[in-house]
Amino acid sequence: METVPKSPSFTVVKIDGFLKLALPEGSNKDHPITNPMGPHAPPLHGLKLTKMLVAIADGDLMRDTQMEFCQAMKNAGQTVEMIVSEDVEHCFHTNEFAIEEDEHTAVQASNLVDVIDRFIKDC
């Protein structure tokens, strides 16, 4: 897999800080809340889930983990649709300034909204 480019707005330090706030004290990145494929997570096989859509930005620091999650869910017999938005970062679709000022970001955000709209209608 390619190396994910560095992001000025979403860094490993920020991710670690968010995890410290969200997880029980003493937990690490392998906690089942943040790593459903990890050693402490319950098995994914046998879950009764509806189909899911996973949206991934290819410039997201968590991209590889998100793709691993999709594959693990597929391996567990779940129906997973994945959309990968090209040349954008984490939460690009919520960055109003980027959408207004950068045509590529605007197109990727519009495409993502279209996929979400279609997915919801198909459900």
PDB file of N, CA and C in Angstrom:
ATOM      1  N   MET A   1       0.842  -1.173   0.000  1.00  0.00           N
ATOM      2  CA  MET A   1       0.000   0.000   0.000  1.00  0.00           C
ATOM      3  C   MET A   1       0.890   1.240   0.000  1.00  0.00           C
ATOM      4  N   GLU A   2       0.427   2.281  -0.641  1.00  0.00           N
ATOM      5  CA  GLU A   2       1.188   3.524  -0.723  1.00  0.00           C
ATOM      6  C   GLU A   2       1.288   4.181   0.645  1.00  0.00           C
ATOM      7  N   THR A   3       2.256   5.052   0.783  1.00  0.00           N
ATOM      8  CA  THR A   3       2.377   5.835   2.001  1.00  0.00           C
ATOM      9  C   THR A   3       1.352   6.959   1.956  1.00  0.00           C
ATOM     10  N   VAL A   4       0.666   7.154   3.064  1.00  0.00           N
ATOM     11  CA  VAL A   4      -0.316   8.229   3.143  1.00  0.00           C
ATOM     12  C   VAL A   4       0.427   9.537   3.346  1.00  0.00           C
ATOM     13  N   PRO A   5       0.100  10.570   2.552  1.00  0.00           N
ATOM     14  CA  PRO A   5       0.791  11.847   2.702  1.00  0.00           C
ATOM     15  C   PRO A   5       0.516  12.478   4.065  1.00  0.00           C
ATOM     16  N   LYS A   6       1.457  13.279   4.532  1.00  0.00           N
ATOM     17  CA  LYS A   6       1.277  13.969   5.800  1.00  0.00           C
ATOM     18  C   LYS A   6       0.188  15.014   5.655  1.00  0.00           C
ATOM     19  N   SER A   7      -0.612  15.137   6.680  1.00  0.00           N
ATOM     20  CA  SER A   7      -1.708  16.094   6.694  1.00  0.00           C
ATOM     21  C   SER A   7      -1.414  17.176   7.721  1.00  0.00           C
ATOM     22  N   PRO A   8      -1.531  18.435   7.338  1.00  0.00           N
ATOM     23  CA  PRO A   8      -1.298  19.498   8.320  1.00  0.00           C
ATOM     24  C   PRO A   8      -2.420  19.591   9.351  1.00  0.00           C
ATOM     25  N   SER A   9      -3.604  19.059   9.018  1.00  0.00           N
ATOM     26  CA  SER A   9      -4.743  19.233   9.912  1.00  0.00           C
ATOM     27  C   SER A   9      -5.088  17.988  10.731  1.00  0.00           C
ATOM     28  N   PHE A  10      -4.586  16.834  10.337  1.00  0.00           N
ATOM     29  CA  PHE A  10      -4.929  15.598  11.036  1.00  0.00           C
ATOM     30  C   PHE A  10      -3.650  14.796  11.196  1.00  0.00           C
ATOM     31  N   THR A  11      -3.123  14.783  12.401  1.00  0.00           N
ATOM     32  CA  THR A  11      -1.825  14.177  12.658  1.00  0.00           C
ATOM     33  C   THR A  11      -1.954  12.983  13.596  1.00  0.00           C
ATOM     34  N   VAL A  12      -0.910  12.175  13.670  1.00  0.00           N
ATOM     35  CA  VAL A  12      -0.881  11.035  14.586  1.00  0.00           C
ATOM     36  C   VAL A  12      -1.027  11.530  16.024  1.00  0.00           C
ATOM     37  N   VAL A  13      -0.427  12.652  16.347  1.00  0.00           N
ATOM     38  CA  VAL A  13      -0.538  13.215  17.704  1.00  0.00           C
ATOM     39  C   VAL A  13      -1.998  13.539  18.014  1.00  0.00           C
ATOM     40  N   LYS A  14      -2.711  14.116  17.040  1.00  0.00           N
ATOM     41  CA  LYS A  14      -4.131  14.425  17.258  1.00  0.00           C
ATOM     42  C   LYS A  14      -4.947  13.145  17.410  1.00  0.00           C
ATOM     43  N   ILE A  15      -4.672  12.153  16.582  1.00  0.00           N
ATOM     44  CA  ILE A  15      -5.394  10.883  16.691  1.00  0.00           C
ATOM     45  C   ILE A  15      -5.175  10.287  18.075  1.00  0.00           C
ATOM     46  N   ASP A  16      -3.930  10.265  18.535  1.00  0.00           N
ATOM     47  CA  ASP A  16      -3.629   9.726  19.863  1.00  0.00           C
ATOM     48  C   ASP A  16      -4.363  10.510  20.951  1.00  0.00           C
ATOM     49  N   GLY A  17      -4.441  11.825  20.804  1.00  0.00           N
ATOM     50  CA  GLY A  17      -5.167  12.656  21.772  1.00  0.00           C
ATOM     51  C   GLY A  17      -6.652  12.351  21.789  1.00  0.00           C
ATOM     52  N   PHE A  18      -7.249  12.180  20.615  1.00  0.00           N
ATOM     53  CA  PHE A  18      -8.665  11.833  20.535  1.00  0.00           C
ATOM     54  C   PHE A  18      -8.923  10.464  21.183  1.00  0.00           C
ATOM     55  N   LEU A  19      -8.017   9.518  20.908  1.00  0.00           N
ATOM     56  CA  LEU A  19      -8.182   8.187  21.491  1.00  0.00           C
ATOM     57  C   LEU A  19      -8.096   8.238  23.006  1.00  0.00           C
ATOM     58  N   LYS A  20      -7.182   9.040  23.530  1.00  0.00           N
ATOM     59  CA  LYS A  20      -7.042   9.159  24.982  1.00  0.00           C
ATOM     60  C   LYS A  20      -8.334   9.690  25.607  1.00  0.00           C
ATOM     61  N   LEU A  21      -8.994  10.601  24.904  1.00  0.00           N
ATOM     62  CA  LEU A  21     -10.262  11.145  25.408  1.00  0.00           C
ATOM     63  C   LEU A  21     -11.412  10.139  25.291  1.00  0.00           C
ATOM     64  N   ALA A  22     -11.384   9.302  24.264  1.00  0.00           N
ATOM     65  CA  ALA A  22     -12.520   8.435  23.958  1.00  0.00           C
ATOM     66  C   ALA A  22     -12.472   7.061  24.624  1.00  0.00           C
ATOM     67  N   LEU A  23     -11.284   6.565  24.879  1.00  0.00           N
ATOM     68  CA  LEU A  23     -11.152   5.198  25.373  1.00  0.00           C
ATOM     69  C   LEU A  23     -11.035   5.148  26.896  1.00  0.00           C
ATOM     70  N   PRO A  24     -11.388   4.005  27.483  1.00  0.00           N
ATOM     71  CA  PRO A  24     -11.193   3.866  28.930  1.00  0.00           C
ATOM     72  C   PRO A  24      -9.724   4.050  29.302  1.00  0.00           C
ATOM     73  N   GLU A  25      -9.486   4.580  30.480  1.00  0.00           N
ATOM     74  CA  GLU A  25      -8.118   4.819  30.948  1.00  0.00           C
ATOM     75  C   GLU A  25      -7.314   3.527  30.887  1.00  0.00           C
ATOM     76  N   GLY A  26      -6.088   3.638  30.396  1.00  0.00           N
ATOM     77  CA  GLY A  26      -5.203   2.490  30.292  1.00  0.00           C
ATOM     78  C   GLY A  26      -5.344   1.710  28.995  1.00  0.00           C
ATOM     79  N   SER A  27      -6.309   2.076  28.159  1.00  0.00           N
ATOM     80  CA  SER A  27      -6.516   1.390  26.882  1.00  0.00           C
ATOM     81  C   SER A  27      -5.521   1.891  25.848  1.00  0.00           C
ATOM     82  N   ASN A  28      -5.379   1.107  24.787  1.00  0.00           N
ATOM     83  CA  ASN A  28      -4.542   1.535  23.677  1.00  0.00           C
ATOM     84  C   ASN A  28      -5.316   1.392  22.366  1.00  0.00           C
ATOM     85  N   LYS A  29      -4.621   1.553  21.244  1.00  0.00           N
ATOM     86  CA  LYS A  29      -5.280   1.533  19.938  1.00  0.00           C
ATOM     87  C   LYS A  29      -5.904   0.186  19.599  1.00  0.00           C
ATOM     88  N   ASP A  30      -5.592  -0.863  20.347  1.00  0.00           N
ATOM     89  CA  ASP A  30      -6.187  -2.169  20.099  1.00  0.00           C
ATOM     90  C   ASP A  30      -7.502  -2.386  20.841  1.00  0.00           C
ATOM     91  N   HIS A  31      -8.007  -1.360  21.500  1.00  0.00           N
ATOM     92  CA  HIS A  31      -9.307  -1.472  22.158  1.00  0.00           C
ATOM     93  C   HIS A  31     -10.368  -1.770  21.093  1.00  0.00           C
ATOM     94  N   PRO A  32     -11.329  -2.656  21.380  1.00  0.00           N
ATOM     95  CA  PRO A  32     -12.328  -3.023  20.369  1.00  0.00           C
ATOM     96  C   PRO A  32     -13.123  -1.849  19.794  1.00  0.00           C
ATOM     97  N   ILE A  33     -13.256  -0.765  20.534  1.00  0.00           N
ATOM     98  CA  ILE A  33     -13.980   0.396  20.010  1.00  0.00           C
ATOM     99  C   ILE A  33     -13.239   0.986  18.819  1.00  0.00           C
ATOM    100  N   THR A  34     -11.926   1.013  18.877  1.00  0.00           N
ATOM    101  CA  THR A  34     -11.142   1.624  17.798  1.00  0.00           C
ATOM    102  C   THR A  34     -10.510   0.610  16.865  1.00  0.00           C
ATOM    103  N   ASN A  35     -10.465  -0.645  17.270  1.00  0.00           N
ATOM    104  CA  ASN A  35      -9.888  -1.674  16.413  1.00  0.00           C
ATOM    105  C   ASN A  35     -10.749  -2.936  16.488  1.00  0.00           C
ATOM    106  N   PRO A  36     -11.839  -2.954  15.712  1.00  0.00           N
ATOM    107  CA  PRO A  36     -12.728  -4.116  15.764  1.00  0.00           C
ATOM    108  C   PRO A  36     -12.114  -5.382  15.188  1.00  0.00           C
ATOM    109  N   MET A  37     -10.902  -5.284  14.632  1.00  0.00           N
ATOM    110  CA  MET A  37     -10.201  -6.463  14.135  1.00  0.00           C
ATOM    111  C   MET A  37      -9.078  -6.875  15.088  1.00  0.00           C
ATOM    112  N   GLY A  38      -8.922  -6.166  16.175  1.00  0.00           N
ATOM    113  CA  GLY A  38      -7.799  -6.367  17.082  1.00  0.00           C
ATOM    114  C   GLY A  38      -7.924  -7.599  17.958  1.00  0.00           C
ATOM    115  N   PRO A  39      -6.897  -7.861  18.741  1.00  0.00           N
ATOM    116  CA  PRO A  39      -6.840  -9.078  19.557  1.00  0.00           C
ATOM    117  C   PRO A  39      -7.875  -9.132  20.682  1.00  0.00           C
ATOM    118  N   HIS A  40      -8.435  -7.990  21.079  1.00  0.00           N
ATOM    119  CA  HIS A  40      -9.394  -7.958  22.179  1.00  0.00           C
ATOM    120  C   HIS A  40     -10.831  -7.806  21.696  1.00  0.00           C
ATOM    121  N   ALA A  41     -11.010  -7.756  20.381  1.00  0.00           N
ATOM    122  CA  ALA A  41     -12.335  -7.549  19.810  1.00  0.00           C
ATOM    123  C   ALA A  41     -13.096  -8.869  19.701  1.00  0.00           C
ATOM    124  N   PRO A  42     -14.416  -8.796  19.835  1.00  0.00           N
ATOM    125  CA  PRO A  42     -15.206 -10.017  19.624  1.00  0.00           C
ATOM    126  C   PRO A  42     -15.144 -10.432  18.156  1.00  0.00           C
ATOM    127  N   PRO A  43     -15.462 -11.684  17.852  1.00  0.00           N
ATOM    128  CA  PRO A  43     -15.407 -12.138  16.464  1.00  0.00           C
ATOM    129  C   PRO A  43     -16.405 -11.381  15.586  1.00  0.00           C
ATOM    130  N   LEU A  44     -16.018 -11.160  14.336  1.00  0.00           N
ATOM    131  CA  LEU A  44     -16.885 -10.465  13.394  1.00  0.00           C
ATOM    132  C   LEU A  44     -17.862 -11.418  12.709  1.00  0.00           C
ATOM    133  N   HIS A  45     -17.496 -12.701  12.653  1.00  0.00           N
ATOM    134  CA  HIS A  45     -18.391 -13.695  12.050  1.00  0.00           C
ATOM    135  C   HIS A  45     -19.652 -13.827  12.885  1.00  0.00           C
ATOM    136  N   GLY A  46     -20.764 -13.965  12.215  1.00  0.00           N
ATOM    137  CA  GLY A  46     -22.020 -14.179  12.913  1.00  0.00           C
ATOM    138  C   GLY A  46     -22.748 -12.912  13.310  1.00  0.00           C
ATOM    139  N   LEU A  47     -22.158 -11.754  13.090  1.00  0.00           N
ATOM    140  CA  LEU A  47     -22.861 -10.511  13.379  1.00  0.00           C
ATOM    141  C   LEU A  47     -24.047 -10.373  12.434  1.00  0.00           C
ATOM    142  N   LYS A  48     -25.149  -9.881  12.936  1.00  0.00           N
ATOM    143  CA  LYS A  48     -26.320  -9.671  12.103  1.00  0.00           C
ATOM    144  C   LYS A  48     -26.421  -8.184  11.777  1.00  0.00           C
ATOM    145  N   LEU A  49     -25.791  -7.807  10.680  1.00  0.00           N
ATOM    146  CA  LEU A  49     -25.734  -6.408  10.272  1.00  0.00           C
ATOM    147  C   LEU A  49     -26.367  -6.235   8.896  1.00  0.00           C
ATOM    148  N   THR A  50     -26.894  -5.051   8.664  1.00  0.00           N
ATOM    149  CA  THR A  50     -27.340  -4.725   7.320  1.00  0.00           C
ATOM    150  C   THR A  50     -26.119  -4.322   6.511  1.00  0.00           C
ATOM    151  N   LYS A  51     -26.305  -4.143   5.209  1.00  0.00           N
ATOM    152  CA  LYS A  51     -25.171  -3.729   4.388  1.00  0.00           C
ATOM    153  C   LYS A  51     -24.671  -2.375   4.871  1.00  0.00           C
ATOM    154  N   MET A  52     -23.394  -2.128   4.652  1.00  0.00           N
ATOM    155  CA  MET A  52     -22.801  -0.876   5.136  1.00  0.00           C
ATOM    156  C   MET A  52     -22.019  -0.193   4.024  1.00  0.00           C
ATOM    157  N   LEU A  53     -21.928   1.103   4.155  1.00  0.00           N
ATOM    158  CA  LEU A  53     -21.122   1.927   3.261  1.00  0.00           C
ATOM    159  C   LEU A  53     -20.001   2.524   4.089  1.00  0.00           C
ATOM    160  N   VAL A  54     -18.779   2.358   3.617  1.00  0.00           N
ATOM    161  CA  VAL A  54     -17.619   2.937   4.292  1.00  0.00           C
ATOM    162  C   VAL A  54     -16.977   3.926   3.327  1.00  0.00           C
ATOM    163  N   ALA A  55     -16.892   5.173   3.761  1.00  0.00           N
ATOM    164  CA  ALA A  55     -16.298   6.232   2.943  1.00  0.00           C
ATOM    165  C   ALA A  55     -14.889   6.512   3.445  1.00  0.00           C
ATOM    166  N   ILE A  56     -13.933   6.458   2.516  1.00  0.00           N
ATOM    167  CA  ILE A  56     -12.522   6.603   2.863  1.00  0.00           C
ATOM    168  C   ILE A  56     -11.909   7.701   1.998  1.00  0.00           C
ATOM    169  N   ALA A  57     -11.149   8.574   2.619  1.00  0.00           N
ATOM    170  CA  ALA A  57     -10.360   9.562   1.878  1.00  0.00           C
ATOM    171  C   ALA A  57      -8.964   8.980   1.704  1.00  0.00           C
ATOM    172  N   ASP A  58      -8.464   8.971   0.484  1.00  0.00           N
ATOM    173  CA  ASP A  58      -7.175   8.294   0.266  1.00  0.00           C
ATOM    174  C   ASP A  58      -6.003   9.017   0.917  1.00  0.00           C
ATOM    175  N   GLY A  59      -6.188  10.259   1.352  1.00  0.00           N
ATOM    176  CA  GLY A  59      -5.144  10.975   2.067  1.00  0.00           C
ATOM    177  C   GLY A  59      -5.331  10.941   3.573  1.00  0.00           C
ATOM    178  N   ASP A  60      -6.242  10.100   4.053  1.00  0.00           N
ATOM    179  CA  ASP A  60      -6.524   9.989   5.481  1.00  0.00           C
ATOM    180  C   ASP A  60      -5.460   9.118   6.147  1.00  0.00           C
ATOM    181  N   LEU A  61      -4.953   9.554   7.279  1.00  0.00           N
ATOM    182  CA  LEU A  61      -3.960   8.770   8.016  1.00  0.00           C
ATOM    183  C   LEU A  61      -4.507   7.408   8.440  1.00  0.00           C
ATOM    184  N   MET A  62      -5.820   7.297   8.547  1.00  0.00           N
ATOM    185  CA  MET A  62      -6.430   6.038   8.973  1.00  0.00           C
ATOM    186  C   MET A  62      -6.902   5.191   7.789  1.00  0.00           C
ATOM    187  N   ARG A  63      -6.548   5.580   6.594  1.00  0.00           N
ATOM    188  CA  ARG A  63      -7.009   4.900   5.381  1.00  0.00           C
ATOM    189  C   ARG A  63      -6.740   3.400   5.409  1.00  0.00           C
ATOM    190  N   ASP A  64      -5.527   2.995   5.700  1.00  0.00           N
ATOM    191  CA  ASP A  64      -5.188   1.579   5.661  1.00  0.00           C
ATOM    192  C   ASP A  64      -6.019   0.777   6.661  1.00  0.00           C
ATOM    193  N   THR A  65      -6.214   1.322   7.857  1.00  0.00           N
ATOM    194  CA  THR A  65      -7.027   0.646   8.865  1.00  0.00           C
ATOM    195  C   THR A  65      -8.473   0.535   8.400  1.00  0.00           C
ATOM    196  N   GLN A  66      -8.979   1.580   7.760  1.00  0.00           N
ATOM    197  CA  GLN A  66     -10.356   1.541   7.262  1.00  0.00           C
ATOM    198  C   GLN A  66     -10.506   0.477   6.176  1.00  0.00           C
ATOM    199  N   MET A  67      -9.511   0.368   5.308  1.00  0.00           N
ATOM    200  CA  MET A  67      -9.562  -0.656   4.263  1.00  0.00           C
ATOM    201  C   MET A  67      -9.449  -2.056   4.859  1.00  0.00           C
ATOM    202  N   GLU A  68      -8.626  -2.209   5.879  1.00  0.00           N
ATOM    203  CA  GLU A  68      -8.519  -3.497   6.573  1.00  0.00           C
ATOM    204  C   GLU A  68      -9.853  -3.871   7.215  1.00  0.00           C
ATOM    205  N   PHE A  69     -10.533  -2.881   7.778  1.00  0.00           N
ATOM    206  CA  PHE A  69     -11.843  -3.110   8.380  1.00  0.00           C
ATOM    207  C   PHE A  69     -12.827  -3.617   7.324  1.00  0.00           C
ATOM    208  N   CYS A  70     -12.850  -2.959   6.172  1.00  0.00           N
ATOM    209  CA  CYS A  70     -13.754  -3.395   5.097  1.00  0.00           C
ATOM    210  C   CYS A  70     -13.469  -4.834   4.698  1.00  0.00           C
ATOM    211  N   GLN A  71     -12.209  -5.161   4.551  1.00  0.00           N
ATOM    212  CA  GLN A  71     -11.842  -6.528   4.165  1.00  0.00           C
ATOM    213  C   GLN A  71     -12.213  -7.521   5.256  1.00  0.00           C
ATOM    214  N   ALA A  72     -11.987  -7.163   6.498  1.00  0.00           N
ATOM    215  CA  ALA A  72     -12.341  -8.058   7.608  1.00  0.00           C
ATOM    216  C   ALA A  72     -13.846  -8.289   7.654  1.00  0.00           C
ATOM    217  N   MET A  73     -14.628  -7.249   7.404  1.00  0.00           N
ATOM    218  CA  MET A  73     -16.082  -7.403   7.400  1.00  0.00           C
ATOM    219  C   MET A  73     -16.526  -8.277   6.231  1.00  0.00           C
ATOM    220  N   LYS A  74     -15.921  -8.091   5.077  1.00  0.00           N
ATOM    221  CA  LYS A  74     -16.249  -8.948   3.923  1.00  0.00           C
ATOM    222  C   LYS A  74     -15.878 -10.395   4.226  1.00  0.00           C
ATOM    223  N   ASN A  75     -14.709 -10.601   4.818  1.00  0.00           N
ATOM    224  CA  ASN A  75     -14.274 -11.961   5.177  1.00  0.00           C
ATOM    225  C   ASN A  75     -15.214 -12.604   6.188  1.00  0.00           C
ATOM    226  N   ALA A  76     -15.888 -11.763   6.980  1.00  0.00           N
ATOM    227  CA  ALA A  76     -16.840 -12.261   7.972  1.00  0.00           C
ATOM    228  C   ALA A  76     -18.240 -12.430   7.386  1.00  0.00           C
ATOM    229  N   GLY A  77     -18.363 -12.256   6.075  1.00  0.00           N
ATOM    230  CA  GLY A  77     -19.646 -12.471   5.409  1.00  0.00           C
ATOM    231  C   GLY A  77     -20.566 -11.271   5.391  1.00  0.00           C
ATOM    232  N   GLN A  78     -20.041 -10.107   5.733  1.00  0.00           N
ATOM    233  CA  GLN A  78     -20.859  -8.899   5.726  1.00  0.00           C
ATOM    234  C   GLN A  78     -20.841  -8.259   4.335  1.00  0.00           C
ATOM    235  N   THR A  79     -21.900  -7.517   4.039  1.00  0.00           N
ATOM    236  CA  THR A  79     -21.981  -6.802   2.772  1.00  0.00           C
ATOM    237  C   THR A  79     -21.454  -5.393   2.992  1.00  0.00           C
ATOM    238  N   VAL A  80     -20.349  -5.084   2.326  1.00  0.00           N
ATOM    239  CA  VAL A  80     -19.679  -3.799   2.515  1.00  0.00           C
ATOM    240  C   VAL A  80     -19.460  -3.152   1.158  1.00  0.00           C
ATOM    241  N   GLU A  81     -19.898  -1.913   1.055  1.00  0.00           N
ATOM    242  CA  GLU A  81     -19.570  -1.102  -0.115  1.00  0.00           C
ATOM    243  C   GLU A  81     -18.580  -0.045   0.362  1.00  0.00           C
ATOM    244  N   MET A  82     -17.554   0.166  -0.418  1.00  0.00           N
ATOM    245  CA  MET A  82     -16.516   1.120  -0.034  1.00  0.00           C
ATOM    246  C   MET A  82     -16.372   2.153  -1.147  1.00  0.00           C
ATOM    247  N   ILE A  83     -16.306   3.422  -0.758  1.00  0.00           N
ATOM    248  CA  ILE A  83     -15.981   4.477  -1.703  1.00  0.00           C
ATOM    249  C   ILE A  83     -14.682   5.123  -1.230  1.00  0.00           C
ATOM    250  N   VAL A  84     -13.738   5.279  -2.143  1.00  0.00           N
ATOM    251  CA  VAL A  84     -12.475   5.937  -1.834  1.00  0.00           C
ATOM    252  C   VAL A  84     -12.426   7.233  -2.621  1.00  0.00           C
ATOM    253  N   SER A  85     -12.390   8.336  -1.901  1.00  0.00           N
ATOM    254  CA  SER A  85     -12.289   9.656  -2.527  1.00  0.00           C
ATOM    255  C   SER A  85     -10.814   9.976  -2.730  1.00  0.00           C
ATOM    256  N   GLU A  86     -10.474  10.365  -3.928  1.00  0.00           N
ATOM    257  CA  GLU A  86      -9.077  10.538  -4.336  1.00  0.00           C
ATOM    258  C   GLU A  86      -8.514  11.921  -4.002  1.00  0.00           C
ATOM    259  N   ASP A  87      -7.263  11.939  -3.558  1.00  0.00           N
ATOM    260  CA  ASP A  87      -6.499  13.174  -3.331  1.00  0.00           C
ATOM    261  C   ASP A  87      -7.181  14.146  -2.376  1.00  0.00           C
ATOM    262  N   VAL A  88      -7.795  13.607  -1.309  1.00  0.00           N
ATOM    263  CA  VAL A  88      -8.406  14.430  -0.271  1.00  0.00           C
ATOM    264  C   VAL A  88      -8.047  13.845   1.087  1.00  0.00           C
ATOM    265  N   GLU A  89      -8.230  14.641   2.143  1.00  0.00           N
ATOM    266  CA  GLU A  89      -7.863  14.244   3.494  1.00  0.00           C
ATOM    267  C   GLU A  89      -9.092  13.885   4.324  1.00  0.00           C
ATOM    268  N   HIS A  90      -8.820  13.464   5.542  1.00  0.00           N
ATOM    269  CA  HIS A  90      -9.842  13.120   6.522  1.00  0.00           C
ATOM    270  C   HIS A  90     -10.884  14.238   6.628  1.00  0.00           C
ATOM    271  N   CYS A  91     -12.144  13.887   6.565  1.00  0.00           N
ATOM    272  CA  CYS A  91     -13.274  14.816   6.725  1.00  0.00           C
ATOM    273  C   CYS A  91     -13.286  15.947   5.698  1.00  0.00           C
ATOM    274  N   PHE A  92     -12.715  15.714   4.539  1.00  0.00           N
ATOM    275  CA  PHE A  92     -12.673  16.745   3.497  1.00  0.00           C
ATOM    276  C   PHE A  92     -14.059  17.273   3.172  1.00  0.00           C
ATOM    277  N   HIS A  93     -15.048  16.416   3.249  1.00  0.00           N
ATOM    278  CA  HIS A  93     -16.412  16.778   2.873  1.00  0.00           C
ATOM    279  C   HIS A  93     -17.074  17.733   3.864  1.00  0.00           C
ATOM    280  N   THR A  94     -16.454  17.952   5.018  1.00  0.00           N
ATOM    281  CA  THR A  94     -16.988  18.892   5.999  1.00  0.00           C
ATOM    282  C   THR A  94     -16.233  20.221   5.991  1.00  0.00           C
ATOM    283  N   ASN A  95     -15.229  20.327   5.141  1.00  0.00           N
ATOM    284  CA  ASN A  95     -14.403  21.538   5.079  1.00  0.00           C
ATOM    285  C   ASN A  95     -15.003  22.482   4.041  1.00  0.00           C
ATOM    286  N   GLU A  96     -15.891  23.341   4.504  1.00  0.00           N
ATOM    287  CA  GLU A  96     -16.622  24.248   3.610  1.00  0.00           C
ATOM    288  C   GLU A  96     -15.673  25.133   2.805  1.00  0.00           C
ATOM    289  N   PHE A  97     -14.629  25.625   3.456  1.00  0.00           N
ATOM    290  CA  PHE A  97     -13.671  26.477   2.750  1.00  0.00           C
ATOM    291  C   PHE A  97     -13.029  25.721   1.592  1.00  0.00           C
ATOM    292  N   ALA A  98     -12.562  24.496   1.838  1.00  0.00           N
ATOM    293  CA  ALA A  98     -11.917  23.707   0.783  1.00  0.00           C
ATOM    294  C   ALA A  98     -12.889  23.411  -0.352  1.00  0.00           C
ATOM    295  N   ILE A  99     -14.131  23.125  -0.009  1.00  0.00           N
ATOM    296  CA  ILE A  99     -15.131  22.831  -1.037  1.00  0.00           C
ATOM    297  C   ILE A  99     -15.389  24.063  -1.901  1.00  0.00           C
ATOM    298  N   GLU A 100     -15.435  25.228  -1.267  1.00  0.00           N
ATOM    299  CA  GLU A 100     -15.690  26.467  -2.015  1.00  0.00           C
ATOM    300  C   GLU A 100     -14.484  26.902  -2.843  1.00  0.00           C
ATOM    301  N   GLU A 101     -13.277  26.652  -2.353  1.00  0.00           N
ATOM    302  CA  GLU A 101     -12.075  27.181  -2.990  1.00  0.00           C
ATOM    303  C   GLU A 101     -11.337  26.197  -3.901  1.00  0.00           C
ATOM    304  N   ASP A 102     -11.584  24.900  -3.763  1.00  0.00           N
ATOM    305  CA  ASP A 102     -10.839  23.911  -4.526  1.00  0.00           C
ATOM    306  C   ASP A 102     -11.818  23.041  -5.319  1.00  0.00           C
ATOM    307  N   GLU A 103     -11.752  23.137  -6.627  1.00  0.00           N
ATOM    308  CA  GLU A 103     -12.694  22.412  -7.481  1.00  0.00           C
ATOM    309  C   GLU A 103     -12.606  20.899  -7.269  1.00  0.00           C
ATOM    310  N   HIS A 104     -11.399  20.376  -7.117  1.00  0.00           N
ATOM    311  CA  HIS A 104     -11.244  18.930  -6.928  1.00  0.00           C
ATOM    312  C   HIS A 104     -11.942  18.473  -5.647  1.00  0.00           C
ATOM    313  N   THR A 105     -11.746  19.210  -4.563  1.00  0.00           N
ATOM    314  CA  THR A 105     -12.400  18.858  -3.301  1.00  0.00           C
ATOM    315  C   THR A 105     -13.910  18.933  -3.452  1.00  0.00           C
ATOM    316  N   ALA A 106     -14.387  19.952  -4.144  1.00  0.00           N
ATOM    317  CA  ALA A 106     -15.830  20.101  -4.364  1.00  0.00           C
ATOM    318  C   ALA A 106     -16.390  18.918  -5.148  1.00  0.00           C
ATOM    319  N   VAL A 107     -15.676  18.489  -6.181  1.00  0.00           N
ATOM    320  CA  VAL A 107     -16.129  17.347  -6.988  1.00  0.00           C
ATOM    321  C   VAL A 107     -16.142  16.079  -6.144  1.00  0.00           C
ATOM    322  N   GLN A 108     -15.079  15.859  -5.359  1.00  0.00           N
ATOM    323  CA  GLN A 108     -15.017  14.658  -4.514  1.00  0.00           C
ATOM    324  C   GLN A 108     -16.140  14.672  -3.474  1.00  0.00           C
ATOM    325  N   ALA A 109     -16.417  15.830  -2.893  1.00  0.00           N
ATOM    326  CA  ALA A 109     -17.493  15.939  -1.904  1.00  0.00           C
ATOM    327  C   ALA A 109     -18.849  15.675  -2.563  1.00  0.00           C
ATOM    328  N   SER A 110     -19.060  16.226  -3.732  1.00  0.00           N
ATOM    329  CA  SER A 110     -20.310  16.012  -4.462  1.00  0.00           C
ATOM    330  C   SER A 110     -20.482  14.534  -4.819  1.00  0.00           C
ATOM    331  N   ASN A 111     -19.404  13.904  -5.278  1.00  0.00           N
ATOM    332  CA  ASN A 111     -19.460  12.470  -5.596  1.00  0.00           C
ATOM    333  C   ASN A 111     -19.814  11.646  -4.357  1.00  0.00           C
ATOM    334  N   LEU A 112     -19.212  11.998  -3.229  1.00  0.00           N
ATOM    335  CA  LEU A 112     -19.488  11.275  -1.990  1.00  0.00           C
ATOM    336  C   LEU A 112     -20.960  11.415  -1.602  1.00  0.00           C
ATOM    337  N   VAL A 113     -21.481  12.624  -1.684  1.00  0.00           N
ATOM    338  CA  VAL A 113     -22.892  12.849  -1.350  1.00  0.00           C
ATOM    339  C   VAL A 113     -23.791  12.041  -2.284  1.00  0.00           C
ATOM    340  N   ASP A 114     -23.448  11.998  -3.567  1.00  0.00           N
ATOM    341  CA  ASP A 114     -24.236  11.212  -4.530  1.00  0.00           C
ATOM    342  C   ASP A 114     -24.228   9.729  -4.171  1.00  0.00           C
ATOM    343  N   VAL A 115     -23.062   9.202  -3.779  1.00  0.00           N
ATOM    344  CA  VAL A 115     -22.970   7.786  -3.403  1.00  0.00           C
ATOM    345  C   VAL A 115     -23.788   7.521  -2.139  1.00  0.00           C
ATOM    346  N   ILE A 116     -23.694   8.403  -1.167  1.00  0.00           N
ATOM    347  CA  ILE A 116     -24.464   8.242   0.070  1.00  0.00           C
ATOM    348  C   ILE A 116     -25.958   8.273  -0.235  1.00  0.00           C
ATOM    349  N   ASP A 117     -26.369   9.218  -1.072  1.00  0.00           N
ATOM    350  CA  ASP A 117     -27.780   9.343  -1.463  1.00  0.00           C
ATOM    351  C   ASP A 117     -28.269   8.054  -2.128  1.00  0.00           C
ATOM    352  N   ARG A 118     -27.495   7.535  -3.081  1.00  0.00           N
ATOM    353  CA  ARG A 118     -27.880   6.303  -3.759  1.00  0.00           C
ATOM    354  C   ARG A 118     -27.927   5.132  -2.799  1.00  0.00           C
ATOM    355  N   PHE A 119     -26.925   5.051  -1.908  1.00  0.00           N
ATOM    356  CA  PHE A 119     -26.868   3.953  -0.937  1.00  0.00           C
ATOM    357  C   PHE A 119     -28.100   3.961  -0.050  1.00  0.00           C
ATOM    358  N   ILE A 120     -28.475   5.126   0.454  1.00  0.00           N
ATOM    359  CA  ILE A 120     -29.652   5.233   1.326  1.00  0.00           C
ATOM    360  C   ILE A 120     -30.908   4.835   0.568  1.00  0.00           C
ATOM    361  N   LYS A 121     -31.056   5.292  -0.652  1.00  0.00           N
ATOM    362  CA  LYS A 121     -32.233   4.944  -1.451  1.00  0.00           C
ATOM    363  C   LYS A 121     -32.297   3.448  -1.735  1.00  0.00           C
ATOM    364  N   ASP A 122     -31.129   2.813  -1.931  1.00  0.00           N
ATOM    365  CA  ASP A 122     -31.088   1.375  -2.187  1.00  0.00           C
ATOM    366  C   ASP A 122     -31.436   0.556  -0.949  1.00  0.00           C
ATOM    367  N   CYS A 123     -31.235   1.165   0.213  1.00  0.00           N
ATOM    368  CA  CYS A 123     -31.556   0.437   1.448  1.00  0.00           C
ATOM    369  C   CYS A 123     -33.051   0.405   1.654  1.00  0.00           C
TER     370      CYS A 123
END
